[in-house]
């Protein structure tokens, strides 16, 4: 089994009030960065953050609780819940609307 690399994803702050977001620990590297519908679409792509994919992977695929996933990602359970919910909404809208999905790469520290 290969050794997992830790990557960090720095999320953008939406607005100017409040503290800067904590970096999210990412333990998985995706083999692809883009999914395209068939037939191809001219609609703008849906952008997924690496942190949203990691939250989905831990909660839905690995079946961790929100608390466990939060500990693994170095964030609160509420942040995991929000990230996974945002990812689900984006993926569903891309499927229904026939839009491409682009996964934004992680940022190395």
C-alpha atoms as a PDB file:
ATOM      1  CA  UNK A   1       0.000   0.000   0.000  1.00  0.00           C
ATOM      2  CA  UNK A   2       1.407   3.366  -0.976  1.00  0.00           C
ATOM      3  CA  UNK A   3       2.037   6.075   1.579  1.00  0.00           C
ATOM      4  CA  UNK A   4      -0.548   8.834   1.441  1.00  0.00           C
ATOM      5  CA  UNK A   5       0.652  12.357   0.919  1.00  0.00           C
ATOM      6  CA  UNK A   6      -0.875  15.213   2.846  1.00  0.00           C
ATOM      7  CA  UNK A   7      -1.909  18.176   0.762  1.00  0.00           C
ATOM      8  CA  UNK A   8      -3.441  21.395   1.911  1.00  0.00           C
ATOM      9  CA  UNK A   9      -6.259  23.259   0.268  1.00  0.00           C
ATOM     10  CA  UNK A  10      -6.551  26.944   1.091  1.00  0.00           C
ATOM     11  CA  UNK A  11     -10.129  28.014   0.592  1.00  0.00           C
ATOM     12  CA  UNK A  12     -11.040  31.540  -0.440  1.00  0.00           C
ATOM     13  CA  UNK A  13     -12.761  33.832   2.013  1.00  0.00           C
ATOM     14  CA  UNK A  14     -16.128  35.008   0.704  1.00  0.00           C
ATOM     15  CA  UNK A  15     -16.365  38.620   1.779  1.00  0.00           C
ATOM     16  CA  UNK A  16     -14.074  40.764   3.873  1.00  0.00           C
ATOM     17  CA  UNK A  17     -15.449  40.193   7.369  1.00  0.00           C
ATOM     18  CA  UNK A  18     -14.342  37.364   9.620  1.00  0.00           C
ATOM     19  CA  UNK A  19     -11.255  35.273  10.049  1.00  0.00           C
ATOM     20  CA  UNK A  20      -9.385  33.545   7.254  1.00  0.00           C
ATOM     21  CA  UNK A  21     -10.393  29.901   6.694  1.00  0.00           C
ATOM     22  CA  UNK A  22      -8.184  27.153   8.107  1.00  0.00           C
ATOM     23  CA  UNK A  23      -6.277  25.074   5.569  1.00  0.00           C
ATOM     24  CA  UNK A  24      -8.003  21.737   4.894  1.00  0.00           C
ATOM     25  CA  UNK A  25      -5.936  18.559   4.981  1.00  0.00           C
ATOM     26  CA  UNK A  26      -6.361  16.567   1.743  1.00  0.00           C
ATOM     27  CA  UNK A  27      -5.198  12.932   1.832  1.00  0.00           C
ATOM     28  CA  UNK A  28      -6.159  11.836  -1.660  1.00  0.00           C
ATOM     29  CA  UNK A  29      -4.971  12.830  -5.112  1.00  0.00           C
ATOM     30  CA  UNK A  30      -7.503  12.535  -7.911  1.00  0.00           C
ATOM     31  CA  UNK A  31      -6.378  10.880 -11.144  1.00  0.00           C
ATOM     32  CA  UNK A  32      -8.443  13.287 -13.263  1.00  0.00           C
ATOM     33  CA  UNK A  33      -9.301  16.989 -13.182  1.00  0.00           C
ATOM     34  CA  UNK A  34     -12.281  17.168 -15.541  1.00  0.00           C
ATOM     35  CA  UNK A  35     -15.441  15.281 -16.490  1.00  0.00           C
ATOM     36  CA  UNK A  36     -17.271  16.164 -19.690  1.00  0.00           C
ATOM     37  CA  UNK A  37     -20.865  15.306 -20.589  1.00  0.00           C
ATOM     38  CA  UNK A  38     -21.764  13.357 -23.692  1.00  0.00           C
ATOM     39  CA  UNK A  39     -22.730  14.986 -25.999  1.00  0.00           C
ATOM     40  CA  UNK A  40     -20.397  17.928 -25.273  1.00  0.00           C
ATOM     41  CA  UNK A  41     -21.947  21.056 -23.816  1.00  0.00           C
ATOM     42  CA  UNK A  42     -21.145  24.724 -24.378  1.00  0.00           C
ATOM     43  CA  UNK A  43     -22.361  25.614 -20.883  1.00  0.00           C
ATOM     44  CA  UNK A  44     -19.794  26.880 -18.363  1.00  0.00           C
ATOM     45  CA  UNK A  45     -18.282  24.151 -16.170  1.00  0.00           C
ATOM     46  CA  UNK A  46     -19.145  23.514 -12.542  1.00  0.00           C
ATOM     47  CA  UNK A  47     -16.051  24.106 -10.365  1.00  0.00           C
ATOM     48  CA  UNK A  48     -15.445  21.696  -7.466  1.00  0.00           C
ATOM     49  CA  UNK A  49     -12.833  22.444  -4.808  1.00  0.00           C
ATOM     50  CA  UNK A  50     -10.468  19.698  -3.668  1.00  0.00           C
ATOM     51  CA  UNK A  51     -11.812  20.155  -0.113  1.00  0.00           C
ATOM     52  CA  UNK A  52     -15.356  19.444  -1.315  1.00  0.00           C
ATOM     53  CA  UNK A  53     -14.208  16.233  -3.023  1.00  0.00           C
ATOM     54  CA  UNK A  54     -12.322  15.167   0.122  1.00  0.00           C
ATOM     55  CA  UNK A  55     -15.397  15.760   2.294  1.00  0.00           C
ATOM     56  CA  UNK A  56     -17.552  13.684  -0.084  1.00  0.00           C
ATOM     57  CA  UNK A  57     -14.955  10.921  -0.190  1.00  0.00           C
ATOM     58  CA  UNK A  58     -14.675  10.652   3.577  1.00  0.00           C
ATOM     59  CA  UNK A  59     -18.395  10.927   4.400  1.00  0.00           C
ATOM     60  CA  UNK A  60     -20.074   9.153   1.479  1.00  0.00           C
ATOM     61  CA  UNK A  61     -17.443   6.705   0.213  1.00  0.00           C
ATOM     62  CA  UNK A  62     -15.395   5.867   3.332  1.00  0.00           C
ATOM     63  CA  UNK A  63     -18.476   6.226   5.622  1.00  0.00           C
ATOM     64  CA  UNK A  64     -16.747   8.337   8.294  1.00  0.00           C
ATOM     65  CA  UNK A  65     -18.970  10.339  10.622  1.00  0.00           C
ATOM     66  CA  UNK A  66     -18.866  14.119  10.259  1.00  0.00           C
ATOM     67  CA  UNK A  67     -16.796  14.326  13.444  1.00  0.00           C
ATOM     68  CA  UNK A  68     -14.263  11.751  12.217  1.00  0.00           C
ATOM     69  CA  UNK A  69     -14.043  13.366   8.790  1.00  0.00           C
ATOM     70  CA  UNK A  70     -13.532  16.767  10.420  1.00  0.00           C
ATOM     71  CA  UNK A  71     -10.624  15.427  12.483  1.00  0.00           C
ATOM     72  CA  UNK A  72      -9.022  13.893   9.379  1.00  0.00           C
ATOM     73  CA  UNK A  73      -9.452  17.137   7.414  1.00  0.00           C
ATOM     74  CA  UNK A  74      -8.426  19.417  10.311  1.00  0.00           C
ATOM     75  CA  UNK A  75     -11.757  21.302  10.288  1.00  0.00           C
ATOM     76  CA  UNK A  76     -15.017  21.280  12.251  1.00  0.00           C
ATOM     77  CA  UNK A  77     -17.850  18.840  11.554  1.00  0.00           C
ATOM     78  CA  UNK A  78     -20.003  21.781  10.423  1.00  0.00           C
ATOM     79  CA  UNK A  79     -17.394  22.647   7.792  1.00  0.00           C
ATOM     80  CA  UNK A  80     -17.387  19.028   6.552  1.00  0.00           C
ATOM     81  CA  UNK A  81     -21.199  19.115   6.386  1.00  0.00           C
ATOM     82  CA  UNK A  82     -21.131  22.379   4.401  1.00  0.00           C
ATOM     83  CA  UNK A  83     -18.383  21.195   2.012  1.00  0.00           C
ATOM     84  CA  UNK A  84     -20.126  17.871   1.296  1.00  0.00           C
ATOM     85  CA  UNK A  85     -23.491  19.598   0.784  1.00  0.00           C
ATOM     86  CA  UNK A  86     -21.985  22.129  -1.627  1.00  0.00           C
ATOM     87  CA  UNK A  87     -20.277  19.340  -3.591  1.00  0.00           C
ATOM     88  CA  UNK A  88     -23.488  17.307  -3.837  1.00  0.00           C
ATOM     89  CA  UNK A  89     -25.448  20.333  -5.104  1.00  0.00           C
ATOM     90  CA  UNK A  90     -22.787  21.153  -7.700  1.00  0.00           C
ATOM     91  CA  UNK A  91     -22.542  17.571  -8.969  1.00  0.00           C
ATOM     92  CA  UNK A  92     -26.317  17.177  -9.199  1.00  0.00           C
ATOM     93  CA  UNK A  93     -26.697  20.460 -11.076  1.00  0.00           C
ATOM     94  CA  UNK A  94     -23.905  19.453 -13.496  1.00  0.00           C
ATOM     95  CA  UNK A  95     -25.618  16.118 -14.214  1.00  0.00           C
ATOM     96  CA  UNK A  96     -29.095  17.623 -14.657  1.00  0.00           C
ATOM     97  CA  UNK A  97     -27.926  20.597 -16.741  1.00  0.00           C
ATOM     98  CA  UNK A  98     -25.331  18.626 -18.758  1.00  0.00           C
ATOM     99  CA  UNK A  99     -22.418  20.830 -17.669  1.00  0.00           C
ATOM    100  CA  UNK A 100     -18.744  19.787 -17.440  1.00  0.00           C
ATOM    101  CA  UNK A 101     -17.219  19.304 -13.979  1.00  0.00           C
ATOM    102  CA  UNK A 102     -13.772  20.791 -13.307  1.00  0.00           C
ATOM    103  CA  UNK A 103     -11.889  19.919 -10.115  1.00  0.00           C
ATOM    104  CA  UNK A 104      -9.668  22.716  -8.866  1.00  0.00           C
ATOM    105  CA  UNK A 105      -6.201  21.488  -7.841  1.00  0.00           C
ATOM    106  CA  UNK A 106      -4.906  21.655  -4.278  1.00  0.00           C
ATOM    107  CA  UNK A 107      -2.379  24.249  -3.177  1.00  0.00           C
ATOM    108  CA  UNK A 108       0.890  22.954  -1.753  1.00  0.00           C
ATOM    109  CA  UNK A 109       2.060  24.655   1.481  1.00  0.00           C
END
